[in-house]
PDB file of N, CA and C in Angstrom:
ATOM      1  N   MET A   1      24.017   6.462   6.485  1.00  0.00           N
ATOM      2  CA  MET A   1      22.860   7.171   6.618  1.00  0.00           C
ATOM      3  C   MET A   1      22.237   7.403   5.136  1.00  0.00           C
ATOM      4  N   ILE A   2      21.093   7.235   5.197  1.00  0.00           N
ATOM      5  CA  ILE A   2      20.106   7.282   3.652  1.00  0.00           C
ATOM      6  C   ILE A   2      19.290   8.382   3.924  1.00  0.00           C
ATOM      7  N   ILE A   3      19.363   9.425   2.842  1.00  0.00           N
ATOM      8  CA  ILE A   3      18.541  10.552   2.943  1.00  0.00           C
ATOM      9  C   ILE A   3      17.924  10.584   1.565  1.00  0.00           C
ATOM     10  N   ARG A   4      16.350  10.686   1.513  1.00  0.00           N
ATOM     11  CA  ARG A   4      15.878  10.648   0.253  1.00  0.00           C
ATOM     12  C   ARG A   4      14.751  11.755   0.039  1.00  0.00           C
ATOM     13  N   ASP A   5      14.456  12.257  -0.964  1.00  0.00           N
ATOM     14  CA  ASP A   5      13.487  12.918  -1.091  1.00  0.00           C
ATOM     15  C   ASP A   5      12.502  12.652  -1.983  1.00  0.00           C
ATOM     16  N   LEU A   6      11.211  12.595  -1.470  1.00  0.00           N
ATOM     17  CA  LEU A   6      10.101  12.311  -2.366  1.00  0.00           C
ATOM     18  C   LEU A   6      10.039  12.474  -3.919  1.00  0.00           C
ATOM     19  N   ASP A   7      10.760  13.716  -4.215  1.00  0.00           N
ATOM     20  CA  ASP A   7      10.594  13.976  -5.735  1.00  0.00           C
ATOM     21  C   ASP A   7      11.820  13.439  -6.538  1.00  0.00           C
ATOM     22  N   THR A   8      12.605  12.483  -5.826  1.00  0.00           N
ATOM     23  CA  THR A   8      13.720  11.977  -6.568  1.00  0.00           C
ATOM     24  C   THR A   8      13.714  10.503  -6.692  1.00  0.00           C
ATOM     25  N   VAL A   9      12.836   9.802  -5.973  1.00  0.00           N
ATOM     26  CA  VAL A   9      12.735   8.206  -5.630  1.00  0.00           C
ATOM     27  C   VAL A   9      11.839   7.568  -6.887  1.00  0.00           C
ATOM     28  N   LYS A  10      12.272   6.508  -7.184  1.00  0.00           N
ATOM     29  CA  LYS A  10      11.293   5.781  -8.299  1.00  0.00           C
ATOM     30  C   LYS A  10       9.937   5.664  -7.535  1.00  0.00           C
ATOM     31  N   THR A  11       8.843   6.189  -8.512  1.00  0.00           N
ATOM     32  CA  THR A  11       7.258   5.927  -8.396  1.00  0.00           C
ATOM     33  C   THR A  11       6.904   5.322  -9.189  1.00  0.00           C
ATOM     34  N   VAL A  12       6.168   4.086  -8.654  1.00  0.00           N
ATOM     35  CA  VAL A  12       5.313   3.189  -9.579  1.00  0.00           C
ATOM     36  C   VAL A  12       4.039   3.415  -9.779  1.00  0.00           C
ATOM     37  N   ASP A  13       3.313   3.065 -10.838  1.00  0.00           N
ATOM     38  CA  ASP A  13       1.883   3.276 -10.890  1.00  0.00           C
ATOM     39  C   ASP A  13       1.746   1.681 -10.822  1.00  0.00           C
ATOM     40  N   TRP A  14       0.906   1.473  -9.370  1.00  0.00           N
ATOM     41  CA  TRP A  14       0.738   0.130  -8.983  1.00  0.00           C
ATOM     42  C   TRP A  14      -0.660  -0.556  -9.625  1.00  0.00           C
ATOM     43  N   GLY A  15      -1.577   0.438 -10.260  1.00  0.00           N
ATOM     44  CA  GLY A  15      -2.930  -0.276 -10.721  1.00  0.00           C
ATOM     45  C   GLY A  15      -4.024   0.919 -10.301  1.00  0.00           C
ATOM     46  N   ASN A  16      -4.087   1.132  -9.176  1.00  0.00           N
ATOM     47  CA  ASN A  16      -5.112   2.161  -8.614  1.00  0.00           C
ATOM     48  C   ASN A  16      -4.354   3.258  -7.884  1.00  0.00           C
ATOM     49  N   GLY A  17      -3.340   3.574  -8.306  1.00  0.00           N
ATOM     50  CA  GLY A  17      -2.511   4.771  -7.460  1.00  0.00           C
ATOM     51  C   GLY A  17      -1.251   4.695  -7.754  1.00  0.00           C
ATOM     52  N   THR A  18      -0.531   5.471  -7.118  1.00  0.00           N
ATOM     53  CA  THR A  18       1.114   5.654  -7.182  1.00  0.00           C
ATOM     54  C   THR A  18       1.826   5.127  -5.755  1.00  0.00           C
ATOM     55  N   SER A  19       2.936   4.526  -6.013  1.00  0.00           N
ATOM     56  CA  SER A  19       3.815   4.346  -4.670  1.00  0.00           C
ATOM     57  C   SER A  19       5.202   4.843  -5.107  1.00  0.00           C
ATOM     58  N   ALA A  20       5.460   5.901  -4.311  1.00  0.00           N
ATOM     59  CA  ALA A  20       6.736   6.090  -4.027  1.00  0.00           C
ATOM     60  C   ALA A  20       7.631   5.222  -3.250  1.00  0.00           C
ATOM     61  N   ARG A  21       8.977   4.580  -3.994  1.00  0.00           N
ATOM     62  CA  ARG A  21       9.624   3.676  -3.058  1.00  0.00           C
ATOM     63  C   ARG A  21      10.741   4.280  -2.480  1.00  0.00           C
ATOM     64  N   LEU A  22      10.461   4.774  -1.126  1.00  0.00           N
ATOM     65  CA  LEU A  22      11.724   5.496  -0.273  1.00  0.00           C
ATOM     66  C   LEU A  22      12.976   4.665  -0.033  1.00  0.00           C
ATOM     67  N   LEU A  23      12.376   3.563   0.607  1.00  0.00           N
ATOM     68  CA  LEU A  23      13.601   2.577   0.719  1.00  0.00           C
ATOM     69  C   LEU A  23      13.344   1.109  -0.096  1.00  0.00           C
ATOM     70  N   VAL A  24      14.165   0.381  -0.423  1.00  0.00           N
ATOM     71  CA  VAL A  24      13.581  -0.730  -1.152  1.00  0.00           C
ATOM     72  C   VAL A  24      14.873  -1.747  -0.789  1.00  0.00           C
ATOM     73  N   ALA A  25      14.734  -3.082  -1.364  1.00  0.00           N
ATOM     74  CA  ALA A  25      15.858  -4.095  -0.850  1.00  0.00           C
ATOM     75  C   ALA A  25      17.396  -3.561  -1.297  1.00  0.00           C
ATOM     76  N   ALA A  26      17.365  -2.946  -2.274  1.00  0.00           N
ATOM     77  CA  ALA A  26      18.949  -2.844  -2.384  1.00  0.00           C
ATOM     78  C   ALA A  26      19.448  -1.392  -1.378  1.00  0.00           C
ATOM     79  N   ASP A  27      18.724  -1.294  -0.481  1.00  0.00           N
ATOM     80  CA  ASP A  27      19.097  -0.039   0.614  1.00  0.00           C
ATOM     81  C   ASP A  27      19.730  -0.915   1.633  1.00  0.00           C
ATOM     82  N   GLY A  28      19.526  -2.417   1.626  1.00  0.00           N
ATOM     83  CA  GLY A  28      19.914  -3.152   2.655  1.00  0.00           C
ATOM     84  C   GLY A  28      19.352  -3.183   4.160  1.00  0.00           C
ATOM     85  N   LEU A  29      18.242  -2.452   4.412  1.00  0.00           N
ATOM     86  CA  LEU A  29      17.551  -2.406   5.681  1.00  0.00           C
ATOM     87  C   LEU A  29      16.767  -3.415   6.003  1.00  0.00           C
ATOM     88  N   GLY A  30      16.347  -4.104   5.010  1.00  0.00           N
ATOM     89  CA  GLY A  30      15.508  -5.246   5.577  1.00  0.00           C
ATOM     90  C   GLY A  30      13.794  -4.948   5.160  1.00  0.00           C
ATOM     91  N   TYR A  31      13.442  -3.539   4.901  1.00  0.00           N
ATOM     92  CA  TYR A  31      12.064  -3.348   4.991  1.00  0.00           C
ATOM     93  C   TYR A  31      12.066  -2.258   3.792  1.00  0.00           C
ATOM     94  N   THR A  32      11.012  -1.766   3.432  1.00  0.00           N
ATOM     95  CA  THR A  32      10.640  -0.811   2.574  1.00  0.00           C
ATOM     96  C   THR A  32       9.815   0.045   3.084  1.00  0.00           C
ATOM     97  N   VAL A  33       9.869   1.263   2.934  1.00  0.00           N
ATOM     98  CA  VAL A  33       8.940   2.508   3.220  1.00  0.00           C
ATOM     99  C   VAL A  33       8.512   3.055   1.784  1.00  0.00           C
ATOM    100  N   CYS A  34       7.246   3.203   1.667  1.00  0.00           N
ATOM    101  CA  CYS A  34       6.566   3.638   0.669  1.00  0.00           C
ATOM    102  C   CYS A  34       5.650   4.983   0.817  1.00  0.00           C
ATOM    103  N   ASP A  35       5.508   5.966  -0.001  1.00  0.00           N
ATOM    104  CA  ASP A  35       4.543   7.088   0.006  1.00  0.00           C
ATOM    105  C   ASP A  35       3.567   6.547  -0.812  1.00  0.00           C
ATOM    106  N   THR A  36       2.146   5.892  -0.564  1.00  0.00           N
ATOM    107  CA  THR A  36       1.409   5.674  -1.372  1.00  0.00           C
ATOM    108  C   THR A  36       0.266   6.574  -1.518  1.00  0.00           C
ATOM    109  N   VAL A  37      -0.198   6.590  -2.686  1.00  0.00           N
ATOM    110  CA  VAL A  37      -1.523   7.338  -2.941  1.00  0.00           C
ATOM    111  C   VAL A  37      -2.514   6.494  -3.609  1.00  0.00           C
ATOM    112  N   VAL A  38      -3.653   6.172  -3.192  1.00  0.00           N
ATOM    113  CA  VAL A  38      -4.594   5.637  -3.559  1.00  0.00           C
ATOM    114  C   VAL A  38      -5.850   6.266  -4.479  1.00  0.00           C
ATOM    115  N   THR A  39      -6.077   6.065  -5.640  1.00  0.00           N
ATOM    116  CA  THR A  39      -6.917   6.861  -6.246  1.00  0.00           C
ATOM    117  C   THR A  39      -8.480   6.960  -5.675  1.00  0.00           C
ATOM    118  N   ALA A  40      -8.790   8.206  -5.591  1.00  0.00           N
ATOM    119  CA  ALA A  40     -10.289   8.271  -5.274  1.00  0.00           C
ATOM    120  C   ALA A  40     -11.326   7.457  -5.718  1.00  0.00           C
ATOM    121  N   GLY A  41     -12.227   6.846  -5.096  1.00  0.00           N
ATOM    122  CA  GLY A  41     -13.111   6.065  -5.846  1.00  0.00           C
ATOM    123  C   GLY A  41     -12.881   4.318  -6.167  1.00  0.00           C
ATOM    124  N   SER A  42     -11.359   4.191  -5.882  1.00  0.00           N
ATOM    125  CA  SER A  42     -10.893   2.689  -6.418  1.00  0.00           C
ATOM    126  C   SER A  42     -11.278   1.767  -5.327  1.00  0.00           C
ATOM    127  N   LYS A  43     -11.283   0.707  -5.998  1.00  0.00           N
ATOM    128  CA  LYS A  43     -11.406  -0.308  -4.768  1.00  0.00           C
ATOM    129  C   LYS A  43     -10.115  -1.463  -5.429  1.00  0.00           C
ATOM    130  N   SER A  44      -9.567  -2.036  -4.625  1.00  0.00           N
ATOM    131  CA  SER A  44      -8.623  -2.973  -4.944  1.00  0.00           C
ATOM    132  C   SER A  44      -8.331  -4.222  -4.445  1.00  0.00           C
ATOM    133  N   LYS A  45      -8.477  -5.361  -4.709  1.00  0.00           N
ATOM    134  CA  LYS A  45      -8.457  -6.621  -4.079  1.00  0.00           C
ATOM    135  C   LYS A  45      -6.861  -7.108  -4.006  1.00  0.00           C
ATOM    136  N   LEU A  46      -6.099  -6.958  -2.865  1.00  0.00           N
ATOM    137  CA  LEU A  46      -5.083  -7.324  -2.633  1.00  0.00           C
ATOM    138  C   LEU A  46      -4.645  -8.364  -1.908  1.00  0.00           C
ATOM    139  N   GLN A  47      -3.250  -8.830  -1.731  1.00  0.00           N
ATOM    140  CA  GLN A  47      -2.761 -10.008  -0.809  1.00  0.00           C
ATOM    141  C   GLN A  47      -1.401  -9.802  -1.090  1.00  0.00           C
ATOM    142  N   TYR A  48      -0.409  -9.746  -0.108  1.00  0.00           N
ATOM    143  CA  TYR A  48       0.817  -9.898   0.021  1.00  0.00           C
ATOM    144  C   TYR A  48       1.398 -11.292   0.639  1.00  0.00           C
ATOM    145  N   ARG A  49       1.684 -12.053  -0.273  1.00  0.00           N
ATOM    146  CA  ARG A  49       1.919 -13.334   0.084  1.00  0.00           C
ATOM    147  C   ARG A  49       3.187 -13.509   0.589  1.00  0.00           C
ATOM    148  N   ASN A  50       4.399 -12.541   0.196  1.00  0.00           N
ATOM    149  CA  ASN A  50       5.588 -12.652   0.266  1.00  0.00           C
ATOM    150  C   ASN A  50       6.295 -11.574   1.359  1.00  0.00           C
ATOM    151  N   HIS A  51       5.215 -10.706   1.764  1.00  0.00           N
ATOM    152  CA  HIS A  51       5.545  -9.606   2.628  1.00  0.00           C
ATOM    153  C   HIS A  51       4.421  -9.290   3.678  1.00  0.00           C
ATOM    154  N   LEU A  52       4.725  -8.674   4.904  1.00  0.00           N
ATOM    155  CA  LEU A  52       4.061  -8.330   5.749  1.00  0.00           C
ATOM    156  C   LEU A  52       3.897  -6.673   5.333  1.00  0.00           C
ATOM    157  N   GLU A  53       2.755  -5.993   5.770  1.00  0.00           N
ATOM    158  CA  GLU A  53       2.527  -4.681   5.300  1.00  0.00           C
ATOM    159  C   GLU A  53       1.894  -3.976   6.756  1.00  0.00           C
ATOM    160  N   ALA A  54       2.180  -2.799   6.850  1.00  0.00           N
ATOM    161  CA  ALA A  54       1.682  -1.939   7.963  1.00  0.00           C
ATOM    162  C   ALA A  54       1.404  -0.486   7.051  1.00  0.00           C
ATOM    163  N   CYS A  55       0.349   0.148   7.026  1.00  0.00           N
ATOM    164  CA  CYS A  55      -0.332   1.419   6.390  1.00  0.00           C
ATOM    165  C   CYS A  55      -0.489   2.371   7.633  1.00  0.00           C
ATOM    166  N   TYR A  56      -0.052   3.547   7.090  1.00  0.00           N
ATOM    167  CA  TYR A  56      -0.640   4.648   8.097  1.00  0.00           C
ATOM    168  C   TYR A  56      -1.028   5.729   7.463  1.00  0.00           C
ATOM    169  N   CYS A  57      -2.405   6.117   7.718  1.00  0.00           N
ATOM    170  CA  CYS A  57      -3.039   7.097   6.982  1.00  0.00           C
ATOM    171  C   CYS A  57      -2.525   8.385   7.123  1.00  0.00           C
ATOM    172  N   ILE A  58      -1.992   9.300   6.159  1.00  0.00           N
ATOM    173  CA  ILE A  58      -1.884  10.572   6.344  1.00  0.00           C
ATOM    174  C   ILE A  58      -2.916  11.609   5.662  1.00  0.00           C
ATOM    175  N   GLY A  59      -3.850  11.419   5.036  1.00  0.00           N
ATOM    176  CA  GLY A  59      -4.459  11.992   4.266  1.00  0.00           C
ATOM    177  C   GLY A  59      -5.665  11.227   3.552  1.00  0.00           C
ATOM    178  N   GLY A  60      -6.637  11.836   3.199  1.00  0.00           N
ATOM    179  CA  GLY A  60      -7.823  11.150   2.701  1.00  0.00           C
ATOM    180  C   GLY A  60      -8.826  10.369   3.563  1.00  0.00           C
ATOM    181  N   SER A  61      -9.393   9.709   2.919  1.00  0.00           N
ATOM    182  CA  SER A  61     -10.075   8.519   3.853  1.00  0.00           C
ATOM    183  C   SER A  61     -10.673   7.432   2.914  1.00  0.00           C
ATOM    184  N   GLY A  62     -10.692   6.170   3.583  1.00  0.00           N
ATOM    185  CA  GLY A  62     -11.131   5.092   2.652  1.00  0.00           C
ATOM    186  C   GLY A  62     -11.633   3.772   3.801  1.00  0.00           C
ATOM    187  N   GLU A  63     -11.311   2.605   3.353  1.00  0.00           N
ATOM    188  CA  GLU A  63     -11.821   1.727   4.487  1.00  0.00           C
ATOM    189  C   GLU A  63     -10.859   0.437   3.953  1.00  0.00           C
ATOM    190  N   VAL A  64     -10.383  -0.612   5.016  1.00  0.00           N
ATOM    191  CA  VAL A  64      -9.802  -1.878   4.314  1.00  0.00           C
ATOM    192  C   VAL A  64     -11.018  -2.871   4.846  1.00  0.00           C
ATOM    193  N   GLN A  65     -11.188  -3.902   3.900  1.00  0.00           N
ATOM    194  CA  GLN A  65     -12.210  -4.958   4.523  1.00  0.00           C
ATOM    195  C   GLN A  65     -11.584  -5.899   4.294  1.00  0.00           C
ATOM    196  N   ASP A  66     -11.916  -6.799   5.429  1.00  0.00           N
ATOM    197  CA  ASP A  66     -11.280  -8.063   5.224  1.00  0.00           C
ATOM    198  C   ASP A  66     -12.370  -9.314   4.119  1.00  0.00           C
ATOM    199  N   MET A  67     -11.899 -10.517   4.134  1.00  0.00           N
ATOM    200  CA  MET A  67     -12.804 -11.475   3.294  1.00  0.00           C
ATOM    201  C   MET A  67     -14.040 -11.887   3.982  1.00  0.00           C
ATOM    202  N   SER A  68     -14.250 -11.519   5.400  1.00  0.00           N
ATOM    203  CA  SER A  68     -15.236 -11.934   5.854  1.00  0.00           C
ATOM    204  C   SER A  68     -16.344 -10.899   5.783  1.00  0.00           C
ATOM    205  N   GLY A  69     -15.910  -9.699   5.202  1.00  0.00           N
ATOM    206  CA  GLY A  69     -16.704  -8.693   4.799  1.00  0.00           C
ATOM    207  C   GLY A  69     -16.850  -7.348   6.314  1.00  0.00           C
ATOM    208  N   ASN A  70     -15.905  -7.848   6.971  1.00  0.00           N
ATOM    209  CA  ASN A  70     -15.716  -6.775   8.197  1.00  0.00           C
ATOM    210  C   ASN A  70     -14.886  -5.541   7.601  1.00  0.00           C
ATOM    211  N   SER A  71     -15.628  -4.456   7.748  1.00  0.00           N
ATOM    212  CA  SER A  71     -14.964  -3.187   7.138  1.00  0.00           C
ATOM    213  C   SER A  71     -14.459  -2.041   8.518  1.00  0.00           C
ATOM    214  N   PHE A  72     -13.204  -1.569   8.110  1.00  0.00           N
ATOM    215  CA  PHE A  72     -12.449  -0.801   9.067  1.00  0.00           C
ATOM    216  C   PHE A  72     -12.266   0.616   8.346  1.00  0.00           C
ATOM    217  N   PRO A  73     -12.697   1.701   8.973  1.00  0.00           N
ATOM    218  CA  PRO A  73     -12.468   2.819   8.312  1.00  0.00           C
ATOM    219  C   PRO A  73     -11.067   3.506   8.501  1.00  0.00           C
ATOM    220  N   ILE A  74     -10.614   4.076   7.461  1.00  0.00           N
ATOM    221  CA  ILE A  74      -9.241   4.632   7.375  1.00  0.00           C
ATOM    222  C   ILE A  74      -9.338   6.219   7.148  1.00  0.00           C
ATOM    223  N   THR A  75      -8.583   6.783   8.189  1.00  0.00           N
ATOM    224  CA  THR A  75      -8.750   8.226   8.198  1.00  0.00           C
ATOM    225  C   THR A  75      -7.230   8.643   8.744  1.00  0.00           C
ATOM    226  N   PRO A  76      -6.770  10.057   8.645  1.00  0.00           N
ATOM    227  CA  PRO A  76      -5.549  10.396   9.015  1.00  0.00           C
ATOM    228  C   PRO A  76      -5.513   9.996  10.601  1.00  0.00           C
ATOM    229  N   GLY A  77      -4.272   9.222  10.701  1.00  0.00           N
ATOM    230  CA  GLY A  77      -3.957   8.885  12.182  1.00  0.00           C
ATOM    231  C   GLY A  77      -4.218   7.466  12.508  1.00  0.00           C
ATOM    232  N   VAL A  78      -4.908   6.872  11.406  1.00  0.00           N
ATOM    233  CA  VAL A  78      -5.264   5.452  11.466  1.00  0.00           C
ATOM    234  C   VAL A  78      -4.002   4.341  10.887  1.00  0.00           C
ATOM    235  N   LEU A  79      -3.732   3.319  11.682  1.00  0.00           N
ATOM    236  CA  LEU A  79      -2.820   2.432  10.935  1.00  0.00           C
ATOM    237  C   LEU A  79      -3.454   1.077  11.025  1.00  0.00           C
ATOM    238  N   TYR A  80      -3.166   0.427   9.848  1.00  0.00           N
ATOM    239  CA  TYR A  80      -3.599  -1.038   9.866  1.00  0.00           C
ATOM    240  C   TYR A  80      -2.390  -1.827   9.474  1.00  0.00           C
ATOM    241  N   ALA A  81      -2.522  -3.141   9.771  1.00  0.00           N
ATOM    242  CA  ALA A  81      -1.421  -4.041   9.470  1.00  0.00           C
ATOM    243  C   ALA A  81      -1.858  -5.233   9.024  1.00  0.00           C
ATOM    244  N   LEU A  82      -1.353  -5.853   8.290  1.00  0.00           N
ATOM    245  CA  LEU A  82      -1.703  -7.080   7.421  1.00  0.00           C
ATOM    246  C   LEU A  82      -0.758  -8.224   8.051  1.00  0.00           C
ATOM    247  N   ASN A  83      -0.830  -8.560   9.188  1.00  0.00           N
ATOM    248  CA  ASN A  83       0.082  -9.298   9.770  1.00  0.00           C
ATOM    249  C   ASN A  83      -0.169 -10.836   9.571  1.00  0.00           C
ATOM    250  N   GLU A  84      -1.014 -11.174   8.772  1.00  0.00           N
ATOM    251  CA  GLU A  84      -0.893 -12.627   8.257  1.00  0.00           C
ATOM    252  C   GLU A  84      -1.158 -12.904   6.844  1.00  0.00           C
ATOM    253  N   HIS A  85      -0.611 -12.164   5.981  1.00  0.00           N
ATOM    254  CA  HIS A  85      -0.637 -11.963   4.713  1.00  0.00           C
ATOM    255  C   HIS A  85      -1.931 -11.863   4.075  1.00  0.00           C
ATOM    256  N   ASP A  86      -2.988 -11.233   4.848  1.00  0.00           N
ATOM    257  CA  ASP A  86      -4.288 -11.032   4.919  1.00  0.00           C
ATOM    258  C   ASP A  86      -4.619 -10.831   3.186  1.00  0.00           C
ATOM    259  N   GLU A  87      -5.447 -11.440   2.700  1.00  0.00           N
ATOM    260  CA  GLU A  87      -6.107 -11.060   1.504  1.00  0.00           C
ATOM    261  C   GLU A  87      -7.200 -10.068   1.992  1.00  0.00           C
ATOM    262  N   HIS A  88      -7.390  -8.851   1.175  1.00  0.00           N
ATOM    263  CA  HIS A  88      -8.193  -7.592   1.605  1.00  0.00           C
ATOM    264  C   HIS A  88      -8.541  -6.879   0.327  1.00  0.00           C
ATOM    265  N   TRP A  89      -9.384  -5.985   0.761  1.00  0.00           N
ATOM    266  CA  TRP A  89      -9.894  -5.045  -0.142  1.00  0.00           C
ATOM    267  C   TRP A  89      -9.436  -3.691   0.190  1.00  0.00           C
ATOM    268  N   LEU A  90      -8.859  -2.653  -0.456  1.00  0.00           N
ATOM    269  CA  LEU A  90      -8.457  -1.437  -0.122  1.00  0.00           C
ATOM    270  C   LEU A  90      -9.466  -0.546  -0.940  1.00  0.00           C
ATOM    271  N   ILE A  91     -10.227   0.249   0.005  1.00  0.00           N
ATOM    272  CA  ILE A  91     -11.198   1.005  -0.922  1.00  0.00           C
ATOM    273  C   ILE A  91     -11.117   2.622  -0.442  1.00  0.00           C
ATOM    274  N   ALA A  92     -10.581   3.484  -1.629  1.00  0.00           N
ATOM    275  CA  ALA A  92     -10.372   4.755  -1.142  1.00  0.00           C
ATOM    276  C   ALA A  92     -11.879   5.388  -1.285  1.00  0.00           C
ATOM    277  N   GLY A  93     -11.880   6.441  -0.424  1.00  0.00           N
ATOM    278  CA  GLY A  93     -13.134   7.284  -0.416  1.00  0.00           C
ATOM    279  C   GLY A  93     -13.447   8.143  -1.793  1.00  0.00           C
ATOM    280  N   PRO A  94     -14.737   8.286  -2.155  1.00  0.00           N
ATOM    281  CA  PRO A  94     -15.214   8.639  -3.302  1.00  0.00           C
ATOM    282  C   PRO A  94     -14.667  10.215  -3.657  1.00  0.00           C
ATOM    283  N   ASP A  95     -14.468  10.930  -2.750  1.00  0.00           N
ATOM    284  CA  ASP A  95     -13.969  12.439  -3.172  1.00  0.00           C
ATOM    285  C   ASP A  95     -12.733  12.883  -3.003  1.00  0.00           C
ATOM    286  N   GLU A  96     -11.585  12.032  -2.380  1.00  0.00           N
ATOM    287  CA  GLU A  96     -10.305  12.571  -2.623  1.00  0.00           C
ATOM    288  C   GLU A  96      -9.468  11.414  -2.334  1.00  0.00           C
ATOM    289  N   ASP A  97      -8.411  11.345  -2.915  1.00  0.00           N
ATOM    290  CA  ASP A  97      -7.248  10.271  -2.887  1.00  0.00           C
ATOM    291  C   ASP A  97      -7.072   9.971  -1.308  1.00  0.00           C
ATOM    292  N   LEU A  98      -6.649   8.593  -1.112  1.00  0.00           N
ATOM    293  CA  LEU A  98      -6.201   8.081   0.046  1.00  0.00           C
ATOM    294  C   LEU A  98      -4.666   8.202   0.202  1.00  0.00           C
ATOM    295  N   HIS A  99      -4.252   8.783   1.223  1.00  0.00           N
ATOM    296  CA  HIS A  99      -2.597   9.032   1.318  1.00  0.00           C
ATOM    297  C   HIS A  99      -1.988   8.163   2.452  1.00  0.00           C
ATOM    298  N   LEU A 100      -1.007   7.199   2.201  1.00  0.00           N
ATOM    299  CA  LEU A 100      -0.690   6.259   3.046  1.00  0.00           C
ATOM    300  C   LEU A 100       0.789   6.021   3.139  1.00  0.00           C
ATOM    301  N   ILE A 101       1.280   6.033   4.204  1.00  0.00           N
ATOM    302  CA  ILE A 101       2.722   5.679   4.460  1.00  0.00           C
ATOM    303  C   ILE A 101       2.775   4.129   4.677  1.00  0.00           C
ATOM    304  N   SER A 102       3.489   3.240   3.678  1.00  0.00           N
ATOM    305  CA  SER A 102       3.253   2.097   3.928  1.00  0.00           C
ATOM    306  C   SER A 102       4.691   1.209   4.020  1.00  0.00           C
ATOM    307  N   VAL A 103       4.681   0.511   4.969  1.00  0.00           N
ATOM    308  CA  VAL A 103       5.995  -0.219   5.427  1.00  0.00           C
ATOM    309  C   VAL A 103       5.910  -1.827   5.076  1.00  0.00           C
ATOM    310  N   PHE A 104       6.809  -2.526   4.313  1.00  0.00           N
ATOM    311  CA  PHE A 104       6.693  -3.882   4.089  1.00  0.00           C
ATOM    312  C   PHE A 104       8.013  -4.536   4.545  1.00  0.00           C
ATOM    313  N   THR A 105       7.942  -5.800   5.038  1.00  0.00           N
ATOM    314  CA  THR A 105       8.829  -6.534   5.364  1.00  0.00           C
ATOM    315  C   THR A 105       8.765  -8.065   4.728  1.00  0.00           C
ATOM    316  N   PRO A 106       9.471  -8.644   4.273  1.00  0.00           N
ATOM    317  CA  PRO A 106      10.914  -8.472   4.109  1.00  0.00           C
ATOM    318  C   PRO A 106      10.700  -7.042   2.867  1.00  0.00           C
ATOM    319  N   ALA A 107      12.122  -6.715   2.606  1.00  0.00           N
ATOM    320  CA  ALA A 107      11.888  -5.310   1.388  1.00  0.00           C
ATOM    321  C   ALA A 107      11.402  -5.752   0.046  1.00  0.00           C
ATOM    322  N   LEU A 108      10.779  -5.006  -0.586  1.00  0.00           N
ATOM    323  CA  LEU A 108      10.329  -5.099  -2.140  1.00  0.00           C
ATOM    324  C   LEU A 108      11.810  -4.686  -2.879  1.00  0.00           C
ATOM    325  N   ARG A 109      11.796  -5.083  -3.982  1.00  0.00           N
ATOM    326  CA  ARG A 109      12.731  -4.673  -4.867  1.00  0.00           C
ATOM    327  C   ARG A 109      12.521  -3.427  -5.350  1.00  0.00           C
ATOM    328  N   GLY A 110      11.170  -3.024  -5.295  1.00  0.00           N
ATOM    329  CA  GLY A 110      10.927  -1.613  -5.800  1.00  0.00           C
ATOM    330  C   GLY A 110      10.101  -1.283  -7.053  1.00  0.00           C
ATOM    331  N   ASP A 111      10.062  -2.239  -7.822  1.00  0.00           N
ATOM    332  CA  ASP A 111       9.670  -2.188  -9.301  1.00  0.00           C
ATOM    333  C   ASP A 111       8.250  -2.993  -9.167  1.00  0.00           C
ATOM    334  N   GLU A 112       7.698  -3.431  -8.021  1.00  0.00           N
ATOM    335  CA  GLU A 112       6.535  -4.310  -8.220  1.00  0.00           C
ATOM    336  C   GLU A 112       5.249  -3.433  -8.532  1.00  0.00           C
ATOM    337  N   VAL A 113       4.407  -4.091  -9.159  1.00  0.00           N
ATOM    338  CA  VAL A 113       3.014  -3.502  -9.286  1.00  0.00           C
ATOM    339  C   VAL A 113       1.900  -4.475  -9.162  1.00  0.00           C
ATOM    340  N   HIS A 114       0.721  -4.253  -9.164  1.00  0.00           N
ATOM    341  CA  HIS A 114      -0.276  -5.332  -8.765  1.00  0.00           C
ATOM    342  C   HIS A 114      -0.876  -5.274 -10.254  1.00  0.00           C
ATOM    343  N   ASN A 115      -1.589  -6.747 -10.551  1.00  0.00           N
ATOM    344  CA  ASN A 115      -2.346  -6.842 -11.468  1.00  0.00           C
ATOM    345  C   ASN A 115      -3.770  -6.923 -11.043  1.00  0.00           C
ATOM    346  N   LEU A 116      -4.743  -6.056 -11.564  1.00  0.00           N
ATOM    347  CA  LEU A 116      -6.106  -5.663 -10.910  1.00  0.00           C
ATOM    348  C   LEU A 116      -7.039  -6.086 -12.023  1.00  0.00           C
ATOM    349  N   ASP A 117      -6.788  -7.204 -12.775  1.00  0.00           N
ATOM    350  CA  ASP A 117      -7.647  -7.702 -13.812  1.00  0.00           C
ATOM    351  C   ASP A 117      -9.027  -8.517 -13.412  1.00  0.00           C
ATOM    352  N   GLY A 118      -9.259  -8.729 -11.901  1.00  0.00           N
ATOM    353  CA  GLY A 118     -10.327  -9.232 -11.466  1.00  0.00           C
ATOM    354  C   GLY A 118     -10.591 -10.685 -11.337  1.00  0.00           C
ATOM    355  N   SER A 119      -9.320 -11.284 -11.519  1.00  0.00           N
ATOM    356  CA  SER A 119      -9.190 -12.606 -11.557  1.00  0.00           C
ATOM    357  C   SER A 119      -8.850 -13.335 -10.181  1.00  0.00           C
ATOM    358  N   GLY A 120      -8.719 -12.428  -9.053  1.00  0.00           N
ATOM    359  CA  GLY A 120      -8.393 -12.740  -7.786  1.00  0.00           C
ATOM    360  C   GLY A 120      -7.668 -11.803  -7.199  1.00  0.00           C
ATOM    361  N   ALA A 121      -7.056 -12.029  -5.829  1.00  0.00           N
ATOM    362  CA  ALA A 121      -6.167 -10.857  -5.426  1.00  0.00           C
ATOM    363  C   ALA A 121      -4.947 -10.787  -6.225  1.00  0.00           C
ATOM    364  N   SER A 122      -4.557  -9.527  -6.080  1.00  0.00           N
ATOM    365  CA  SER A 122      -3.334  -9.166  -6.709  1.00  0.00           C
ATOM    366  C   SER A 122      -2.263  -9.170  -5.750  1.00  0.00           C
ATOM    367  N   ALA A 123      -1.123  -9.856  -6.145  1.00  0.00           N
ATOM    368  CA  ALA A 123      -0.372 -10.483  -4.831  1.00  0.00           C
ATOM    369  C   ALA A 123       1.303 -10.275  -5.071  1.00  0.00           C
ATOM    370  N   TYR A 124       2.186  -9.877  -4.624  1.00  0.00           N
ATOM    371  CA  TYR A 124       3.445 -10.030  -4.652  1.00  0.00           C
ATOM    372  C   TYR A 124       4.151 -10.035  -3.457  1.00  0.00           C
TER     373      TYR A 124
END
């Protein structure tokens, strides 16, 4: 059995917020669970080429936008899944941080961060 406390796990600054890595590859479960905070007003172009990701919103608001320009609101209780390694924009609302629980498969090492320099979608 694995018991973790949010205050004791590794938290990385991924570029436009933070991600507390609650479960990682070294735990041997085959997936990662993160407590992710996306900074209010930020816009991140992302893609997970080596992982599938599902995010469940537990606070704040924002949107996820596909590369065709379709926009989907994210509010508490909404889940979105990037089931085809989808390139996308993650946009946090202007007034408060967007708070997500994220699950990745296969598992992350736990130290990954994004490169949001504008040269394309940040990927890992």
